[in-house]
Amino acid sequence: MSSTNSYAEEAAQRWPVEYVESNLKLKSMSKEDQQKLFKLGSDNIKDIADAFVLQKGADSVEVQRLVKIHYNWVSVFWTPTKDAYIGLGAMYVTDERFTQNYDKYAPGCAAFMAQAMQIYAQENLSN
């Protein structure tokens, strides 16, 4: 079994309703639109890492604008509440698979992203 399949199985077990909704949304998109969406996500991570390296504050206008893009990207698959989005950010730090995805651009970026997501959620989202 590939790691992608094990991630899918884990997501289906942990978040069954959201997993189904996310898959339906993704399958309704053309392959080209899927590629554009995943490129947007990758580019966003790189932009956030660049802001981190430049020592922008997690609460800065620039970083919060990037986090809004991230939130909107996540919302294509699943629309998180305030607590859920904060929890997602925490998972970026506590789950090594997510940490590696951010920290490969800049060590410490996952923790920075979690902090920025918490600020965004507290200021912009409700439960």
C-alpha atoms as a PDB file:
ATOM      1  CA  MET A   1       0.000   0.000   0.000  1.00  0.00           C
ATOM      2  CA  SER A   2       1.394   3.421  -0.893  1.00  0.00           C
ATOM      3  CA  SER A   3       1.649   6.177   1.667  1.00  0.00           C
ATOM      4  CA  THR A   4      -0.950   8.190  -0.257  1.00  0.00           C
ATOM      5  CA  ASN A   5      -3.462   5.366   0.202  1.00  0.00           C
ATOM      6  CA  SER A   6      -2.632   5.077   3.906  1.00  0.00           C
ATOM      7  CA  TYR A   7      -3.201   8.846   4.280  1.00  0.00           C
ATOM      8  CA  ALA A   8      -6.541   8.477   2.508  1.00  0.00           C
ATOM      9  CA  GLU A   9      -7.539   5.585   4.750  1.00  0.00           C
ATOM     10  CA  GLU A  10      -6.534   7.528   7.854  1.00  0.00           C
ATOM     11  CA  ALA A  11      -8.496  10.601   6.727  1.00  0.00           C
ATOM     12  CA  ALA A  12     -11.547   8.473   5.947  1.00  0.00           C
ATOM     13  CA  GLN A  13     -11.436   6.989   9.449  1.00  0.00           C
ATOM     14  CA  ARG A  14     -10.758  10.257  11.307  1.00  0.00           C
ATOM     15  CA  TRP A  15     -13.095  12.535   9.321  1.00  0.00           C
ATOM     16  CA  PRO A  16     -15.561  10.325   7.404  1.00  0.00           C
ATOM     17  CA  VAL A  17     -18.091  13.004   6.362  1.00  0.00           C
ATOM     18  CA  GLU A  18     -15.447  15.568   5.404  1.00  0.00           C
ATOM     19  CA  TYR A  19     -13.465  12.900   3.542  1.00  0.00           C
ATOM     20  CA  VAL A  20     -16.434  11.985   1.369  1.00  0.00           C
ATOM     21  CA  GLU A  21     -17.299  15.639   0.679  1.00  0.00           C
ATOM     22  CA  SER A  22     -13.699  16.438  -0.179  1.00  0.00           C
ATOM     23  CA  ASN A  23     -13.418  13.517  -2.583  1.00  0.00           C
ATOM     24  CA  LEU A  24     -16.656  14.471  -4.314  1.00  0.00           C
ATOM     25  CA  LYS A  25     -15.458  18.046  -4.800  1.00  0.00           C
ATOM     26  CA  LEU A  26     -12.097  16.905  -6.132  1.00  0.00           C
ATOM     27  CA  LYS A  27     -13.626  14.342  -8.506  1.00  0.00           C
ATOM     28  CA  SER A  28     -15.977  16.985  -9.900  1.00  0.00           C
ATOM     29  CA  MET A  29     -12.967  19.016 -11.066  1.00  0.00           C
ATOM     30  CA  SER A  30     -11.101  18.502 -14.318  1.00  0.00           C
ATOM     31  CA  LYS A  31      -7.550  17.165 -14.086  1.00  0.00           C
ATOM     32  CA  GLU A  32      -6.315  20.579 -15.218  1.00  0.00           C
ATOM     33  CA  ASP A  33      -8.269  22.340 -12.466  1.00  0.00           C
ATOM     34  CA  GLN A  34      -6.970  19.827  -9.916  1.00  0.00           C
ATOM     35  CA  GLN A  35      -3.393  20.529 -11.021  1.00  0.00           C
ATOM     36  CA  LYS A  36      -3.973  24.296 -10.771  1.00  0.00           C
ATOM     37  CA  LEU A  37      -5.460  23.865  -7.304  1.00  0.00           C
ATOM     38  CA  PHE A  38      -2.541  21.799  -6.015  1.00  0.00           C
ATOM     39  CA  LYS A  39      -0.040  24.233  -7.558  1.00  0.00           C
ATOM     40  CA  LEU A  40      -1.822  27.083  -5.770  1.00  0.00           C
ATOM     41  CA  GLY A  41      -1.432  25.166  -2.501  1.00  0.00           C
ATOM     42  CA  SER A  42       2.276  24.511  -3.087  1.00  0.00           C
ATOM     43  CA  ASP A  43       2.928  28.098  -4.124  1.00  0.00           C
ATOM     44  CA  ASN A  44       1.128  29.307  -1.002  1.00  0.00           C
ATOM     45  CA  ILE A  45       3.328  27.180   1.256  1.00  0.00           C
ATOM     46  CA  LYS A  46       6.425  28.572  -0.483  1.00  0.00           C
ATOM     47  CA  ASP A  47       5.151  32.147  -0.064  1.00  0.00           C
ATOM     48  CA  ILE A  48       4.488  31.572   3.636  1.00  0.00           C
ATOM     49  CA  ALA A  49       7.955  30.043   4.057  1.00  0.00           C
ATOM     50  CA  ASP A  50       9.480  33.061   2.291  1.00  0.00           C
ATOM     51  CA  ALA A  51       7.657  35.415   4.675  1.00  0.00           C
ATOM     52  CA  PHE A  52       8.903  33.338   7.617  1.00  0.00           C
ATOM     53  CA  VAL A  53      12.502  33.485   6.369  1.00  0.00           C
ATOM     54  CA  LEU A  54      12.161  37.254   5.959  1.00  0.00           C
ATOM     55  CA  GLN A  55      11.040  37.327   9.621  1.00  0.00           C
ATOM     56  CA  LYS A  56       7.595  38.727   8.925  1.00  0.00           C
ATOM     57  CA  GLY A  57       5.335  38.463  11.952  1.00  0.00           C
ATOM     58  CA  ALA A  58       2.659  35.769  11.996  1.00  0.00           C
ATOM     59  CA  ASP A  59       0.198  38.601  12.640  1.00  0.00           C
ATOM     60  CA  SER A  60       1.527  40.853   9.852  1.00  0.00           C
ATOM     61  CA  VAL A  61      -0.835  41.966   7.092  1.00  0.00           C
ATOM     62  CA  GLU A  62       1.262  40.120   4.506  1.00  0.00           C
ATOM     63  CA  VAL A  63       1.268  36.806   6.370  1.00  0.00           C
ATOM     64  CA  GLN A  64      -2.411  37.046   7.261  1.00  0.00           C
ATOM     65  CA  ARG A  65      -3.189  37.657   3.575  1.00  0.00           C
ATOM     66  CA  LEU A  66      -1.274  34.460   2.747  1.00  0.00           C
ATOM     67  CA  VAL A  67      -3.087  32.546   5.488  1.00  0.00           C
ATOM     68  CA  LYS A  68      -6.418  33.728   4.055  1.00  0.00           C
ATOM     69  CA  ILE A  69      -5.344  32.196   0.736  1.00  0.00           C
ATOM     70  CA  HIS A  70      -4.492  28.993   2.630  1.00  0.00           C
ATOM     71  CA  TYR A  71      -7.865  28.990   4.401  1.00  0.00           C
ATOM     72  CA  ASN A  72      -9.665  29.482   1.096  1.00  0.00           C
ATOM     73  CA  TRP A  73      -7.584  26.685  -0.428  1.00  0.00           C
ATOM     74  CA  VAL A  74      -8.456  24.323   2.433  1.00  0.00           C
ATOM     75  CA  SER A  75     -12.099  25.373   2.074  1.00  0.00           C
ATOM     76  CA  VAL A  76     -12.204  23.980  -1.448  1.00  0.00           C
ATOM     77  CA  PHE A  77     -12.080  20.557   0.217  1.00  0.00           C
ATOM     78  CA  TRP A  78     -13.650  21.255   3.617  1.00  0.00           C
ATOM     79  CA  THR A  79     -14.726  24.460   5.363  1.00  0.00           C
ATOM     80  CA  PRO A  80     -13.159  24.462   8.822  1.00  0.00           C
ATOM     81  CA  THR A  81     -14.600  26.302  11.803  1.00  0.00           C
ATOM     82  CA  LYS A  82     -12.351  28.428  14.001  1.00  0.00           C
ATOM     83  CA  ASP A  83     -11.463  25.518  16.292  1.00  0.00           C
ATOM     84  CA  ALA A  84     -10.989  23.125  13.381  1.00  0.00           C
ATOM     85  CA  TYR A  85      -8.643  25.508  11.555  1.00  0.00           C
ATOM     86  CA  ILE A  86      -6.619  26.051  14.741  1.00  0.00           C
ATOM     87  CA  GLY A  87      -6.545  22.272  15.148  1.00  0.00           C
ATOM     88  CA  LEU A  88      -5.317  21.840  11.585  1.00  0.00           C
ATOM     89  CA  GLY A  89      -2.485  24.253  12.298  1.00  0.00           C
ATOM     90  CA  ALA A  90      -1.628  22.341  15.472  1.00  0.00           C
ATOM     91  CA  MET A  91      -1.530  19.137  13.420  1.00  0.00           C
ATOM     92  CA  TYR A  92       1.054  20.787  11.141  1.00  0.00           C
ATOM     93  CA  VAL A  93       3.335  20.792  14.200  1.00  0.00           C
ATOM     94  CA  THR A  94       2.338  17.557  15.968  1.00  0.00           C
ATOM     95  CA  ASP A  95       2.209  15.294  12.892  1.00  0.00           C
ATOM     96  CA  GLU A  96       5.682  14.910  11.419  1.00  0.00           C
ATOM     97  CA  ARG A  97       4.276  14.294   7.934  1.00  0.00           C
ATOM     98  CA  PHE A  98       2.756  17.785   7.922  1.00  0.00           C
ATOM     99  CA  THR A  99       5.751  19.344   9.653  1.00  0.00           C
ATOM    100  CA  GLN A 100       8.045  18.056   6.910  1.00  0.00           C
ATOM    101  CA  ASN A 101       5.779  19.545   4.242  1.00  0.00           C
ATOM    102  CA  TYR A 102       6.341  23.051   5.657  1.00  0.00           C
ATOM    103  CA  ASP A 103       9.779  22.721   7.195  1.00  0.00           C
ATOM    104  CA  LYS A 104      11.336  21.486   3.941  1.00  0.00           C
ATOM    105  CA  TYR A 105      11.109  25.115   2.788  1.00  0.00           C
ATOM    106  CA  ALA A 106      12.396  26.594   6.045  1.00  0.00           C
ATOM    107  CA  PRO A 107      12.980  24.830   9.376  1.00  0.00           C
ATOM    108  CA  GLY A 108      10.392  26.110  11.860  1.00  0.00           C
ATOM    109  CA  CYS A 109       7.901  27.096   9.179  1.00  0.00           C
ATOM    110  CA  ALA A 110       5.267  24.606  10.372  1.00  0.00           C
ATOM    111  CA  ALA A 111       5.173  26.177  13.834  1.00  0.00           C
ATOM    112  CA  PHE A 112       5.054  29.638  12.251  1.00  0.00           C
ATOM    113  CA  MET A 113       2.159  28.530  10.048  1.00  0.00           C
ATOM    114  CA  ALA A 114       0.275  27.115  13.039  1.00  0.00           C
ATOM    115  CA  GLN A 115       0.705  30.419  14.881  1.00  0.00           C
ATOM    116  CA  ALA A 116      -0.440  32.424  11.851  1.00  0.00           C
ATOM    117  CA  MET A 117      -3.449  30.131  11.362  1.00  0.00           C
ATOM    118  CA  GLN A 118      -4.454  30.547  15.001  1.00  0.00           C
ATOM    119  CA  ILE A 119      -4.318  34.332  14.655  1.00  0.00           C
ATOM    120  CA  TYR A 120      -6.326  34.206  11.432  1.00  0.00           C
ATOM    121  CA  ALA A 121      -8.935  31.900  12.952  1.00  0.00           C
ATOM    122  CA  GLN A 122      -9.335  33.973  16.117  1.00  0.00           C
ATOM    123  CA  GLU A 123      -9.817  37.152  14.092  1.00  0.00           C
ATOM    124  CA  ASN A 124     -11.884  35.864  11.174  1.00  0.00           C
ATOM    125  CA  LEU A 125     -13.692  32.593  11.912  1.00  0.00           C
ATOM    126  CA  SER A 126     -16.451  31.375  14.180  1.00  0.00           C
ATOM    127  CA  ASN A 127     -17.544  27.948  15.392  1.00  0.00           C
END
